C-alpha atoms as a PDB file:
ATOM      1  CA  THR A   1      20.275  39.423 -36.902  1.00  0.00           C
ATOM      2  CA  GLY A   2      20.311  36.974 -34.074  1.00  0.00           C
ATOM      3  CA  THR A   3      17.441  34.278 -34.045  1.00  0.00           C
ATOM      4  CA  ARG A   4      15.760  34.515 -30.523  1.00  0.00           C
ATOM      5  CA  THR A   5      14.589  31.344 -28.742  1.00  0.00           C
ATOM      6  CA  ALA A   6      11.447  31.081 -27.204  1.00  0.00           C
ATOM      7  CA  THR A   7      12.171  28.807 -23.058  1.00  0.00           C
ATOM      8  CA  PRO A   8       9.071  27.573 -22.534  1.00  0.00           C
ATOM      9  CA  THR A   9       7.369  27.743 -19.292  1.00  0.00           C
ATOM     10  CA  ARG A  10       4.775  26.899 -17.188  1.00  0.00           C
ATOM     11  CA  THR A  11       2.248  28.318 -15.108  1.00  0.00           C
ATOM     12  CA  PRO A  12       2.324  25.982 -12.512  1.00  0.00           C
ATOM     13  CA  GLU A  13      -1.622  25.295 -11.704  1.00  0.00           C
ATOM     14  CA  ILE A  14      -3.871  26.429  -8.767  1.00  0.00           C
ATOM     15  CA  LEU A  15      -4.326  23.727  -6.521  1.00  0.00           C
ATOM     16  CA  GLN A  16      -8.647  23.832  -6.328  1.00  0.00           C
ATOM     17  CA  ILE A  17     -10.950  21.472  -5.412  1.00  0.00           C
ATOM     18  CA  LEU A  18     -13.771  21.086  -8.040  1.00  0.00           C
ATOM     19  CA  GLY A  19     -16.019  19.021  -6.322  1.00  0.00           C
ATOM     20  CA  ALA A  20     -16.490  17.047  -3.327  1.00  0.00           C
ATOM     21  CA  ALA A  21     -19.381  14.216  -2.241  1.00  0.00           C
ATOM     22  CA  ILE A  22     -19.616  11.750   0.605  1.00  0.00           C
ATOM     23  CA  ALA A  23     -21.488   8.981  -0.667  1.00  0.00           C
ATOM     24  CA  PRO A  24     -23.936   7.535  -0.126  1.00  0.00           C
ATOM     25  CA  ASN A  25     -25.553   9.450   1.362  1.00  0.00           C
ATOM     26  CA  PRO A  26     -27.598   9.176   4.261  1.00  0.00           C
ATOM     27  CA  ALA A  27     -25.194   6.890   4.254  1.00  0.00           C
ATOM     28  CA  ARG A  28     -26.631   3.852   6.592  1.00  0.00           C
ATOM     29  CA  GLY A  29     -23.276   1.497   7.055  1.00  0.00           C
ATOM     30  CA  GLY A  30     -20.222   1.809   9.367  1.00  0.00           C
ATOM     31  CA  SER A  31     -18.379   3.640   6.142  1.00  0.00           C
ATOM     32  CA  THR A  32     -18.725   6.181   3.626  1.00  0.00           C
ATOM     33  CA  LYS A  33     -16.323   6.951   0.135  1.00  0.00           C
ATOM     34  CA  LEU A  34     -14.872  10.680   0.056  1.00  0.00           C
ATOM     35  CA  PHE A  35     -15.231  11.597  -3.821  1.00  0.00           C
ATOM     36  CA  LEU A  36     -12.386  14.319  -4.706  1.00  0.00           C
ATOM     37  CA  ARG A  37     -11.707  16.250  -8.313  1.00  0.00           C
ATOM     38  CA  LEU A  38      -8.790  18.192  -7.864  1.00  0.00           C
ATOM     39  CA  THR A  39      -6.671  20.912 -11.308  1.00  0.00           C
ATOM     40  CA  ALA A  40      -3.367  20.063  -9.506  1.00  0.00           C
ATOM     41  CA  PRO A  41      -1.602  17.195  -8.152  1.00  0.00           C
ATOM     42  CA  THR A  42      -1.810  17.456  -3.639  1.00  0.00           C
ATOM     43  CA  SER A  43       0.256  16.567  -0.494  1.00  0.00           C
ATOM     44  CA  ARG A  44      -2.204  15.405   2.343  1.00  0.00           C
ATOM     45  CA  ILE A  45      -6.571  16.039   2.377  1.00  0.00           C
ATOM     46  CA  GLU A  46      -8.342  16.643   5.908  1.00  0.00           C
ATOM     47  CA  VAL A  47     -11.877  16.464   6.916  1.00  0.00           C
ATOM     48  CA  LYS A  48     -13.180  17.344   9.395  1.00  0.00           C
ATOM     49  CA  ILE A  49     -16.465  17.008  10.981  1.00  0.00           C
ATOM     50  CA  PHE A  50     -19.323  18.622  12.614  1.00  0.00           C
ATOM     51  CA  THR A  51     -22.821  17.885  14.255  1.00  0.00           C
ATOM     52  CA  SER A  52     -25.417  20.285  13.134  1.00  0.00           C
ATOM     53  CA  SER A  53     -24.302  22.236  16.549  1.00  0.00           C
ATOM     54  CA  THR A  54     -21.326  23.308  15.096  1.00  0.00           C
ATOM     55  CA  ARG A  55     -18.985  20.627  16.810  1.00  0.00           C
ATOM     56  CA  ARG A  56     -16.227  18.455  15.343  1.00  0.00           C
ATOM     57  CA  VAL A  57     -16.289  15.175  16.277  1.00  0.00           C
ATOM     58  CA  ARG A  58     -14.586  14.262  13.921  1.00  0.00           C
ATOM     59  CA  HIS A  59     -10.936  15.049  11.945  1.00  0.00           C
ATOM     60  CA  ALA A  60      -8.980  12.850   9.600  1.00  0.00           C
ATOM     61  CA  VAL A  61      -5.659  13.190   7.589  1.00  0.00           C
ATOM     62  CA  PHE A  62      -5.517  11.578   4.189  1.00  0.00           C
ATOM     63  CA  SER A  63      -1.725  11.616   2.887  1.00  0.00           C
ATOM     64  CA  ILE A  64      -1.906  11.366  -0.550  1.00  0.00           C
ATOM     65  CA  SER A  65       0.765  10.801  -2.858  1.00  0.00           C
ATOM     66  CA  GLY A  66       1.168  10.778  -7.399  1.00  0.00           C
ATOM     67  CA  TRP A  67      -0.935  12.936  -9.129  1.00  0.00           C
ATOM     68  CA  LYS A  68      -4.789  11.928  -9.714  1.00  0.00           C
ATOM     69  CA  GLU A  69      -7.602  14.345 -10.606  1.00  0.00           C
ATOM     70  CA  SER A  70      -9.900  12.354  -8.829  1.00  0.00           C
ATOM     71  CA  LEU A  71     -10.012  10.736  -5.895  1.00  0.00           C
ATOM     72  CA  ALA A  72     -12.050   8.649  -3.771  1.00  0.00           C
ATOM     73  CA  LEU A  73     -10.947   7.864   0.102  1.00  0.00           C
ATOM     74  CA  ASP A  74     -13.288   5.420   2.841  1.00  0.00           C
ATOM     75  CA  LEU A  75     -13.473   7.862   5.039  1.00  0.00           C
ATOM     76  CA  PRO A  76     -15.756   5.067   8.334  1.00  0.00           C
ATOM     77  CA  LEU A  77     -18.059   6.831   9.948  1.00  0.00           C
ATOM     78  CA  VAL A  78     -16.649   6.845  13.196  1.00  0.00           C
ATOM     79  CA  ASP A  79     -15.625   9.855  16.079  1.00  0.00           C
ATOM     80  CA  ASP A  80     -12.569  10.922  16.225  1.00  0.00           C
ATOM     81  CA  GLN A  81     -12.720   8.494  19.753  1.00  0.00           C
ATOM     82  CA  GLY A  82     -13.798   5.398  17.317  1.00  0.00           C
ATOM     83  CA  GLN A  83     -17.337   5.524  18.469  1.00  0.00           C
ATOM     84  CA  PRO A  84     -19.697   4.788  15.900  1.00  0.00           C
ATOM     85  CA  LEU A  85     -21.836   8.552  14.197  1.00  0.00           C
ATOM     86  CA  ALA A  86     -25.548   8.869  15.772  1.00  0.00           C
ATOM     87  CA  ASN A  87     -27.970   8.610  13.061  1.00  0.00           C
ATOM     88  CA  GLY A  88     -28.162  12.871  11.991  1.00  0.00           C
ATOM     89  CA  VAL A  89     -27.252  15.693   9.442  1.00  0.00           C
ATOM     90  CA  TYR A  90     -23.803  16.461   9.326  1.00  0.00           C
ATOM     91  CA  HIS A  91     -21.550  18.606   7.839  1.00  0.00           C
ATOM     92  CA  TYR A  92     -17.766  18.405   6.562  1.00  0.00           C
ATOM     93  CA  ALA A  93     -15.130  20.943   5.841  1.00  0.00           C
ATOM     94  CA  VAL A  94     -12.375  19.134   2.705  1.00  0.00           C
ATOM     95  CA  GLU A  95      -9.117  21.416   2.957  1.00  0.00           C
ATOM     96  CA  ALA A  96      -6.025  20.232   0.085  1.00  0.00           C
ATOM     97  CA  TRP A  97      -2.737  21.310   0.972  1.00  0.00           C
ATOM     98  CA  ASP A  98       0.294  21.867  -0.774  1.00  0.00           C
ATOM     99  CA  GLY A  99       3.313  21.745   2.115  1.00  0.00           C
ATOM    100  CA  ASP A 100       2.136  24.041   5.065  1.00  0.00           C
ATOM    101  CA  TRP A 101      -0.233  25.779   2.494  1.00  0.00           C
ATOM    102  CA  LEU A 102      -3.920  25.303   2.825  1.00  0.00           C
ATOM    103  CA  ALA A 103      -5.003  25.483  -0.951  1.00  0.00           C
ATOM    104  CA  SER A 104      -8.660  25.007  -0.706  1.00  0.00           C
ATOM    105  CA  ILE A 105     -11.529  23.852   1.515  1.00  0.00           C
ATOM    106  CA  ARG A 106     -14.665  22.955  -0.208  1.00  0.00           C
ATOM    107  CA  ALA A 107     -18.063  22.173   2.537  1.00  0.00           C
ATOM    108  CA  GLY A 108     -21.176  20.173   2.758  1.00  0.00           C
ATOM    109  CA  THR A 109     -24.041  18.314   4.306  1.00  0.00           C
ATOM    110  CA  PHE A 110     -24.554  14.044   4.571  1.00  0.00           C
ATOM    111  CA  PHE A 111     -27.018  12.583   6.889  1.00  0.00           C
ATOM    112  CA  VAL A 112     -26.740   9.606   8.697  1.00  0.00           C
ATOM    113  CA  LEU A 113     -29.970   6.869   8.938  1.00  0.00           C
ATOM    114  CA  ARG A 114     -28.753   3.895  10.344  1.00  0.00           C
END
């Protein structure tokens, strides 16, 4: 009888955002941190910030290199024109991308009180 050798295979992990939070919350200064927990490597993170009336005021893109399960990204509290965000309630959507493929989305709410 012959000997059968198994070839190890690795199932690629599915990229998911396990947790996302903006801190401090409420934000009182000009900058915050976006904290993320991921299940697999990502090529980029996109953050979209909306007012409570659903108007998008910010779209930030972060290129990610190297595998990190936890990320802490600097997120200045300004709109797309560089103006400080006014006091109020904001909603955010965090997208994790694997190349050109949108792999995972998380959403949350934060407050700005200056």
